[in-house]
Amino acid sequence: MAKQARILLVRHGVTEWSRLGRHTGRTDVPLVDEGRRTAKLLGERLHRPPWNGLPGVEVRTSPLARAAETCELAGFGPRARAWDPLVEWDYGAYEGLTTPQIRERAGADWLIWRDGVLDGETRAQLTARADETVAWARAGERDVLVFAHGHFLRALAARWLGLDLEFGARLRLDACGFSVLGWAYGMPAFDLWNDTAHVTG
């Protein structure tokens, strides 16, 4: 039987904007010292058993600096290919704003997963990018490792399961969190979600 490919996910390390809760879409902000430290800790973990450096795994990263630097510091830079579909949601007019600031404009019950953003990428466009990533991952018999962003990776997880984007609202994903999307009983499933033992342990 052919191997069923999994997606291994890494959210980038902490940036100044993520620490402040500012929506960081296409603005290319760097990691802060804490983000660089945890990226190295993640790399150390993934190069020890049971992961052993993930031999044979195809690696791709968002081209944005915070994801690419996390990938590099974790020790996967030489194997990685930058890939545009992995960039973060384009927040349009909401770029750089916190959720309370957006709710002052859009209403107190605004939820990005349900309501989307103003003058940015639509929910349908984000769904299409997530679906493209799922299709790429499932096209081979090898696992894949991606370094990307909080909202995009939550969208990817929802679409891996065949669910609407709004399911992403129920998924917490911390900076440098490690997750694995796999299979159970032949159905798409979560093998691991938001594991931060390398950060908190």
Protein backbone atom coordinates (compact mmCIF):
# COMPACT_ATOMS: atom_id res chain seq x y z
CA MET A 1 0.00 0.00 0.00
CA ALA A 2 1.28 3.49 -0.88
CA LYS A 3 2.36 5.69 2.02
CA GLN A 4 -0.14 8.40 2.94
CA ALA A 5 1.77 11.67 3.06
CA ARG A 6 1.58 13.89 6.12
CA ILE A 7 2.09 17.64 6.50
CA LEU A 8 4.37 18.73 9.34
CA LEU A 9 3.70 22.37 10.24
CA VAL A 10 5.78 25.00 11.99
CA ARG A 11 4.49 28.46 12.80
CA HIS A 12 7.27 31.04 12.75
CA GLY A 13 8.83 32.38 15.95
CA VAL A 14 7.81 35.51 17.82
CA THR A 15 8.02 38.93 16.15
CA GLU A 16 7.42 42.34 17.66
CA TRP A 17 4.06 42.57 15.90
CA SER A 18 2.92 39.11 16.96
CA ARG A 19 3.87 39.91 20.55
CA LEU A 20 1.61 42.99 20.37
CA GLY A 21 -1.27 41.12 18.73
CA ARG A 22 -1.02 43.11 15.49
CA HIS A 23 -2.29 41.38 12.36
CA THR A 24 0.86 40.71 10.34
CA GLY A 25 0.05 39.67 6.79
CA ARG A 26 2.47 40.66 4.07
CA THR A 27 4.48 43.15 6.18
CA ASP A 28 7.93 41.56 6.34
CA VAL A 29 8.85 41.90 10.01
CA PRO A 30 11.81 39.98 11.47
CA LEU A 31 11.97 37.65 14.46
CA VAL A 32 12.87 39.07 17.85
CA ASP A 33 15.52 37.41 20.02
CA GLU A 34 12.93 35.16 21.67
CA GLY A 35 11.71 34.03 18.26
CA ARG A 36 15.22 33.17 17.15
CA ARG A 37 15.89 31.28 20.40
CA THR A 38 12.78 29.12 20.11
CA ALA A 39 13.42 28.40 16.42
CA LYS A 40 16.81 26.96 17.40
CA LEU A 41 15.21 24.91 20.18
CA LEU A 42 12.70 23.51 17.69
CA GLY A 43 15.53 22.59 15.34
CA GLU A 44 17.37 20.77 18.11
CA ARG A 45 14.21 18.82 18.88
CA LEU A 46 13.56 17.85 15.27
CA HIS A 47 17.13 16.66 14.84
CA ARG A 48 16.84 14.25 17.81
CA PRO A 49 14.86 10.99 17.95
CA PRO A 50 12.17 10.28 17.00
CA TRP A 51 12.40 12.89 14.23
CA ASN A 52 16.14 12.47 13.47
CA GLY A 53 16.33 15.45 11.14
CA LEU A 54 13.35 14.29 9.08
CA PRO A 55 15.31 12.54 6.31
CA GLY A 56 13.44 12.30 3.02
CA VAL A 57 10.96 15.01 3.98
CA GLU A 58 10.35 17.76 1.41
CA VAL A 59 10.70 21.22 2.97
CA ARG A 60 9.03 24.45 1.88
CA THR A 61 8.79 27.83 3.55
CA SER A 62 6.87 31.02 3.14
CA PRO A 63 9.21 33.55 1.52
CA LEU A 64 8.44 36.10 4.26
CA ALA A 65 11.46 36.69 6.51
CA ARG A 66 9.91 35.53 9.79
CA ALA A 67 9.10 32.09 8.39
CA ALA A 68 12.27 31.74 6.30
CA GLU A 69 14.45 32.69 9.28
CA THR A 70 12.66 30.20 11.52
CA CYS A 71 13.32 27.52 8.90
CA GLU A 72 16.99 28.50 8.66
CA LEU A 73 17.55 28.61 12.42
CA ALA A 74 15.84 25.24 12.83
CA GLY A 75 18.43 23.77 10.47
CA PHE A 76 16.28 23.16 7.40
CA GLY A 77 17.30 26.15 5.29
CA PRO A 78 19.57 24.26 2.86
CA ARG A 79 16.73 21.82 2.06
CA ALA A 80 13.94 24.40 1.84
CA ARG A 81 12.27 25.96 -1.15
CA ALA A 82 10.47 29.29 -0.75
CA TRP A 83 6.88 28.95 -2.00
CA ASP A 84 4.43 31.83 -2.41
CA PRO A 85 1.23 29.88 -1.53
CA LEU A 86 2.49 29.64 2.08
CA VAL A 87 2.41 33.41 2.76
CA GLU A 88 0.11 34.76 5.44
CA TRP A 89 -3.45 36.01 4.83
CA ASP A 90 -3.41 39.43 3.18
CA TYR A 91 -5.30 41.50 5.77
CA GLY A 92 -5.75 44.51 3.50
CA ALA A 93 -7.03 47.51 5.47
CA TYR A 94 -6.61 45.57 8.72
CA GLU A 95 -2.87 45.09 8.33
CA GLY A 96 -1.01 46.07 11.50
CA LEU A 97 -4.17 46.43 13.60
CA THR A 98 -5.09 44.49 16.72
CA THR A 99 -8.43 42.70 17.03
CA PRO A 100 -9.88 45.40 19.36
CA GLN A 101 -8.90 48.08 16.83
CA ILE A 102 -10.55 46.17 13.99
CA ARG A 103 -13.72 45.68 16.04
CA GLU A 104 -13.96 49.44 16.54
CA ARG A 105 -14.35 49.67 12.76
CA ALA A 106 -16.10 46.43 11.84
CA GLY A 107 -18.31 45.80 14.87
CA ALA A 108 -17.84 44.18 18.25
CA ASP A 109 -18.68 40.70 16.98
CA TRP A 110 -16.17 40.73 14.09
CA LEU A 111 -14.50 37.35 13.58
CA ILE A 112 -11.91 37.05 10.84
CA TRP A 113 -12.75 33.41 10.11
CA ARG A 114 -16.40 34.25 9.45
CA ASP A 115 -16.29 37.86 8.30
CA GLY A 116 -12.97 38.11 6.48
CA VAL A 117 -11.07 41.35 5.96
CA LEU A 118 -11.55 44.68 4.18
CA ASP A 119 -9.72 45.29 0.90
CA GLY A 120 -7.54 42.19 1.32
CA GLU A 121 -7.60 38.51 0.46
CA THR A 122 -11.05 36.93 0.53
CA ARG A 123 -11.90 33.80 2.47
CA ALA A 124 -12.35 32.03 -0.87
CA GLN A 125 -8.88 33.05 -2.02
CA LEU A 126 -7.30 31.87 1.23
CA THR A 127 -9.21 28.60 0.97
CA ALA A 128 -7.89 28.10 -2.56
CA ARG A 129 -4.28 28.55 -1.39
CA ALA A 130 -4.80 26.11 1.46
CA ASP A 131 -6.37 23.60 -0.94
CA GLU A 132 -3.39 24.00 -3.30
CA THR A 133 -1.06 23.17 -0.43
CA VAL A 134 -3.09 20.12 0.57
CA ALA A 135 -3.08 18.87 -3.03
CA TRP A 136 0.68 19.32 -3.30
CA ALA A 137 1.29 17.45 -0.04
CA ARG A 138 -0.96 14.53 -0.99
CA ALA A 139 0.51 14.21 -4.49
CA GLY A 140 3.57 12.27 -3.30
CA GLU A 141 4.42 9.40 -0.98
CA ARG A 142 6.76 11.49 1.22
CA ASP A 143 6.01 13.70 4.19
CA VAL A 144 6.35 17.46 3.81
CA LEU A 145 7.48 20.12 6.30
CA VAL A 146 6.22 23.69 5.94
CA PHE A 147 7.22 26.86 7.78
CA ALA A 148 4.50 29.47 7.60
CA HIS A 149 2.08 31.66 9.56
CA GLY A 150 -0.63 31.42 12.19
CA HIS A 151 -3.76 32.14 10.20
CA PHE A 152 -2.59 30.36 7.06
CA LEU A 153 -1.62 27.19 8.92
CA ARG A 154 -4.95 27.11 10.77
CA ALA A 155 -6.71 27.48 7.41
CA LEU A 156 -4.56 24.66 6.06
CA ALA A 157 -5.53 22.42 8.96
CA ALA A 158 -9.23 23.11 8.39
CA ARG A 159 -8.96 22.28 4.72
CA TRP A 160 -6.86 19.14 5.40
CA LEU A 161 -9.90 17.88 7.33
CA GLY A 162 -12.28 19.01 4.57
CA LEU A 163 -13.87 21.64 6.79
CA ASP A 164 -14.83 25.26 6.19
CA LEU A 165 -12.30 27.96 6.96
CA GLU A 166 -14.31 28.99 10.03
CA PHE A 167 -13.03 25.88 11.83
CA GLY A 168 -9.72 27.73 12.13
CA ALA A 169 -11.25 29.84 14.88
CA ARG A 170 -11.19 26.75 17.12
CA LEU A 171 -7.48 26.08 16.63
CA ARG A 172 -4.94 27.81 18.83
CA LEU A 173 -1.48 27.95 17.29
CA ASP A 174 1.37 29.51 19.24
CA ALA A 175 4.62 30.94 17.92
CA CYS A 176 7.00 28.10 16.98
CA GLY A 177 4.21 25.58 17.56
CA PHE A 178 4.77 22.23 15.83
CA SER A 179 1.89 20.22 14.38
CA VAL A 180 1.38 17.14 12.22
CA LEU A 181 -1.58 16.59 9.91
CA GLY A 182 -1.95 12.90 9.19
CA TRP A 183 -4.47 10.10 8.92
CA ALA A 184 -6.68 7.88 11.07
CA TYR A 185 -8.78 5.01 9.68
CA GLY A 186 -7.99 6.27 6.20
CA MET A 187 -9.42 9.72 6.95
CA PRO A 188 -7.53 13.02 7.34
CA ALA A 189 -6.80 13.64 11.01
CA PHE A 190 -4.62 15.52 13.48
CA ASP A 191 -1.61 13.50 14.61
CA LEU A 192 -0.27 16.38 16.71
CA TRP A 193 -1.36 19.97 17.23
CA ASN A 194 0.38 23.07 18.64
CA ASP A 195 3.12 21.14 20.42
CA THR A 196 5.41 23.67 22.14
CA ALA A 197 7.32 21.29 24.42
CA HIS A 198 10.60 22.57 22.92
CA VAL A 199 9.64 26.09 24.09
CA THR A 200 8.00 25.40 27.45
CA GLY A 201 9.90 22.29 28.50
